[in-house]
C-alpha atoms as a PDB file:
ATOM      1  CA  UNK A   1     -30.906  11.662  -3.745  1.00  0.00           C
ATOM      2  CA  UNK A   2     -28.425  13.317  -1.370  1.00  0.00           C
ATOM      3  CA  UNK A   3     -28.846  10.530   1.179  1.00  0.00           C
ATOM      4  CA  UNK A   4     -28.137   7.885  -1.453  1.00  0.00           C
ATOM      5  CA  UNK A   5     -25.042   9.750  -2.636  1.00  0.00           C
ATOM      6  CA  UNK A   6     -23.764  10.211   0.899  1.00  0.00           C
ATOM      7  CA  UNK A   7     -24.170   6.517   1.669  1.00  0.00           C
ATOM      8  CA  UNK A   8     -22.464   5.499  -1.544  1.00  0.00           C
ATOM      9  CA  UNK A   9     -19.502   7.810  -1.110  1.00  0.00           C
ATOM     10  CA  UNK A  10     -18.961   6.639   2.470  1.00  0.00           C
ATOM     11  CA  UNK A  11     -18.300   3.111   1.194  1.00  0.00           C
ATOM     12  CA  UNK A  12     -15.303   4.364  -0.775  1.00  0.00           C
ATOM     13  CA  UNK A  13     -11.876   3.841   0.690  1.00  0.00           C
ATOM     14  CA  UNK A  14      -8.734   5.855   0.080  1.00  0.00           C
ATOM     15  CA  UNK A  15      -5.147   4.789   0.621  1.00  0.00           C
ATOM     16  CA  UNK A  16      -1.499   5.147  -0.167  1.00  0.00           C
ATOM     17  CA  UNK A  17       0.684   2.077  -0.153  1.00  0.00           C
ATOM     18  CA  UNK A  18       4.279   0.984  -0.285  1.00  0.00           C
ATOM     19  CA  UNK A  19       4.615  -2.338  -2.114  1.00  0.00           C
ATOM     20  CA  UNK A  20       7.604  -4.646  -2.125  1.00  0.00           C
ATOM     21  CA  UNK A  21       7.324  -7.451  -4.651  1.00  0.00           C
ATOM     22  CA  UNK A  22       9.111 -10.786  -4.350  1.00  0.00           C
ATOM     23  CA  UNK A  23       9.511 -14.090  -6.187  1.00  0.00           C
ATOM     24  CA  UNK A  24       5.963 -15.163  -5.263  1.00  0.00           C
ATOM     25  CA  UNK A  25       4.274 -11.970  -6.477  1.00  0.00           C
ATOM     26  CA  UNK A  26       1.789 -12.465  -9.296  1.00  0.00           C
ATOM     27  CA  UNK A  27       3.883 -10.155 -11.496  1.00  0.00           C
ATOM     28  CA  UNK A  28       7.401 -10.136 -10.036  1.00  0.00           C
ATOM     29  CA  UNK A  29       8.638  -6.973 -11.762  1.00  0.00           C
ATOM     30  CA  UNK A  30       9.105  -3.604 -10.084  1.00  0.00           C
ATOM     31  CA  UNK A  31       7.127  -0.835 -11.779  1.00  0.00           C
ATOM     32  CA  UNK A  32       9.608   1.635 -10.271  1.00  0.00           C
ATOM     33  CA  UNK A  33      12.806   0.104 -11.677  1.00  0.00           C
ATOM     34  CA  UNK A  34      11.600  -2.327 -14.348  1.00  0.00           C
ATOM     35  CA  UNK A  35      13.768  -5.005 -12.732  1.00  0.00           C
ATOM     36  CA  UNK A  36      12.650  -8.534 -11.937  1.00  0.00           C
ATOM     37  CA  UNK A  37      11.994  -9.338  -8.277  1.00  0.00           C
ATOM     38  CA  UNK A  38      12.193 -13.087  -8.885  1.00  0.00           C
ATOM     39  CA  UNK A  39      15.415 -13.251  -6.847  1.00  0.00           C
ATOM     40  CA  UNK A  40      13.814 -11.693  -3.748  1.00  0.00           C
ATOM     41  CA  UNK A  41      12.445 -14.146  -1.177  1.00  0.00           C
ATOM     42  CA  UNK A  42       9.285 -13.528   0.826  1.00  0.00           C
ATOM     43  CA  UNK A  43      11.361 -13.254   3.996  1.00  0.00           C
ATOM     44  CA  UNK A  44      13.669 -10.636   2.422  1.00  0.00           C
ATOM     45  CA  UNK A  45      10.707  -8.586   1.179  1.00  0.00           C
ATOM     46  CA  UNK A  46       8.979  -8.711   4.545  1.00  0.00           C
ATOM     47  CA  UNK A  47      12.176  -7.788   6.386  1.00  0.00           C
ATOM     48  CA  UNK A  48      12.831  -4.836   4.069  1.00  0.00           C
ATOM     49  CA  UNK A  49       9.249  -3.648   4.406  1.00  0.00           C
ATOM     50  CA  UNK A  50       9.508  -3.829   8.204  1.00  0.00           C
ATOM     51  CA  UNK A  51      12.593  -1.603   8.008  1.00  0.00           C
ATOM     52  CA  UNK A  52      10.495   0.959   6.094  1.00  0.00           C
ATOM     53  CA  UNK A  53       7.713   0.691   8.678  1.00  0.00           C
ATOM     54  CA  UNK A  54      10.300   1.404  11.385  1.00  0.00           C
ATOM     55  CA  UNK A  55      11.643   4.455   9.482  1.00  0.00           C
ATOM     56  CA  UNK A  56       8.136   5.820   8.882  1.00  0.00           C
ATOM     57  CA  UNK A  57       7.171   5.345  12.526  1.00  0.00           C
ATOM     58  CA  UNK A  58      10.428   6.950  13.705  1.00  0.00           C
ATOM     59  CA  UNK A  59       9.605  10.039  11.622  1.00  0.00           C
ATOM     60  CA  UNK A  60       6.072  10.416  12.982  1.00  0.00           C
ATOM     61  CA  UNK A  61       4.075   8.149  10.630  1.00  0.00           C
ATOM     62  CA  UNK A  62       2.366  11.101   8.913  1.00  0.00           C
ATOM     63  CA  UNK A  63       0.938  10.872   5.406  1.00  0.00           C
ATOM     64  CA  UNK A  64       3.764  13.110   4.169  1.00  0.00           C
ATOM     65  CA  UNK A  65       6.447  10.828   5.626  1.00  0.00           C
ATOM     66  CA  UNK A  66       4.683   7.744   4.242  1.00  0.00           C
ATOM     67  CA  UNK A  67       4.491   9.317   0.766  1.00  0.00           C
ATOM     68  CA  UNK A  68       8.208  10.156   0.840  1.00  0.00           C
ATOM     69  CA  UNK A  69       9.175   6.535   1.438  1.00  0.00           C
ATOM     70  CA  UNK A  70       6.607   5.191  -1.047  1.00  0.00           C
ATOM     71  CA  UNK A  71       8.231   7.416  -3.706  1.00  0.00           C
ATOM     72  CA  UNK A  72      11.643   6.104  -2.713  1.00  0.00           C
ATOM     73  CA  UNK A  73      10.906   2.371  -2.613  1.00  0.00           C
ATOM     74  CA  UNK A  74       7.477   1.136  -3.733  1.00  0.00           C
ATOM     75  CA  UNK A  75       7.412  -1.394  -6.581  1.00  0.00           C
ATOM     76  CA  UNK A  76       3.949  -0.153  -7.663  1.00  0.00           C
ATOM     77  CA  UNK A  77       3.544   2.408 -10.436  1.00  0.00           C
ATOM     78  CA  UNK A  78       1.871   4.618  -7.827  1.00  0.00           C
ATOM     79  CA  UNK A  79       5.357   5.331  -6.420  1.00  0.00           C
ATOM     80  CA  UNK A  80       5.297   8.413  -8.697  1.00  0.00           C
ATOM     81  CA  UNK A  81       2.475   9.893  -6.595  1.00  0.00           C
ATOM     82  CA  UNK A  82       3.742   8.815  -3.189  1.00  0.00           C
ATOM     83  CA  UNK A  83       1.834   5.534  -3.349  1.00  0.00           C
ATOM     84  CA  UNK A  84      -1.528   7.293  -3.735  1.00  0.00           C
ATOM     85  CA  UNK A  85      -4.208   4.925  -5.027  1.00  0.00           C
ATOM     86  CA  UNK A  86      -6.985   7.501  -4.819  1.00  0.00           C
ATOM     87  CA  UNK A  87     -10.494   6.371  -3.933  1.00  0.00           C
ATOM     88  CA  UNK A  88     -11.817   2.894  -4.625  1.00  0.00           C
ATOM     89  CA  UNK A  89     -14.951   0.970  -3.840  1.00  0.00           C
ATOM     90  CA  UNK A  90     -15.594  -2.519  -2.512  1.00  0.00           C
ATOM     91  CA  UNK A  91     -14.182  -5.237  -4.748  1.00  0.00           C
ATOM     92  CA  UNK A  92     -11.945  -2.960  -6.821  1.00  0.00           C
ATOM     93  CA  UNK A  93      -8.748  -4.100  -5.087  1.00  0.00           C
ATOM     94  CA  UNK A  94      -7.510  -7.560  -4.145  1.00  0.00           C
ATOM     95  CA  UNK A  95      -9.441  -8.829  -1.119  1.00  0.00           C
ATOM     96  CA  UNK A  96      -6.386  -9.105   1.137  1.00  0.00           C
ATOM     97  CA  UNK A  97      -5.423  -5.515   0.338  1.00  0.00           C
ATOM     98  CA  UNK A  98      -8.956  -4.170   0.776  1.00  0.00           C
ATOM     99  CA  UNK A  99      -9.231  -5.964   4.127  1.00  0.00           C
ATOM    100  CA  UNK A 100      -5.925  -4.395   5.176  1.00  0.00           C
ATOM    101  CA  UNK A 101      -7.222  -0.937   4.281  1.00  0.00           C
ATOM    102  CA  UNK A 102     -10.523  -1.507   6.096  1.00  0.00           C
ATOM    103  CA  UNK A 103      -8.643  -2.710   9.170  1.00  0.00           C
ATOM    104  CA  UNK A 104      -6.611   0.497   9.350  1.00  0.00           C
ATOM    105  CA  UNK A 105      -7.961   3.728  10.863  1.00  0.00           C
ATOM    106  CA  UNK A 106      -8.075   6.816   8.647  1.00  0.00           C
ATOM    107  CA  UNK A 107      -4.827   8.753   9.075  1.00  0.00           C
ATOM    108  CA  UNK A 108      -2.908   5.697  10.290  1.00  0.00           C
ATOM    109  CA  UNK A 109      -0.471   3.162   8.829  1.00  0.00           C
ATOM    110  CA  UNK A 110      -1.219  -0.549   8.756  1.00  0.00           C
ATOM    111  CA  UNK A 111       0.973  -3.412   9.735  1.00  0.00           C
ATOM    112  CA  UNK A 112       2.361  -5.545   6.921  1.00  0.00           C
ATOM    113  CA  UNK A 113      -0.322  -6.768   4.490  1.00  0.00           C
ATOM    114  CA  UNK A 114       0.340  -9.677   2.121  1.00  0.00           C
ATOM    115  CA  UNK A 115      -1.587  -9.814  -1.163  1.00  0.00           C
ATOM    116  CA  UNK A 116      -1.057 -11.577  -4.481  1.00  0.00           C
ATOM    117  CA  UNK A 117       0.988  -8.543  -5.558  1.00  0.00           C
ATOM    118  CA  UNK A 118       3.443  -8.681  -2.650  1.00  0.00           C
ATOM    119  CA  UNK A 119       3.949  -7.148   0.775  1.00  0.00           C
ATOM    120  CA  UNK A 120       2.363  -3.765   1.479  1.00  0.00           C
ATOM    121  CA  UNK A 121       2.298  -1.042   4.056  1.00  0.00           C
ATOM    122  CA  UNK A 122      -0.943   0.915   3.783  1.00  0.00           C
ATOM    123  CA  UNK A 123      -1.667   4.472   4.865  1.00  0.00           C
ATOM    124  CA  UNK A 124      -5.414   4.972   4.935  1.00  0.00           C
ATOM    125  CA  UNK A 125      -6.548   8.376   3.660  1.00  0.00           C
ATOM    126  CA  UNK A 126     -10.328   7.797   3.631  1.00  0.00           C
END
């Protein structure tokens, strides 16, 4: 039983994220502000997200720094908890996002990840 549980729990992923929505997002409304993002182009969203990546990297790219900026800017409702999405298993998130998490080492920040929801930075916690 323990072996089965250990194998199952190892397949879970954990992450924080900072999401910037744009006109092409599947639901172009910020959960942080309630405002529409239909006037934001993909290029503007990506450029703004890169500026956040630069700030996070300049401040050491720790989980604490990432959480601070996710609280400040993320368009996801998880902004309230520093972008924390908790633990999730295979197939529970959009494929592009899950692939971005899997491609990022634990304790590190990803590059920019595009999903149906918008542009993300991901900080992998597990």
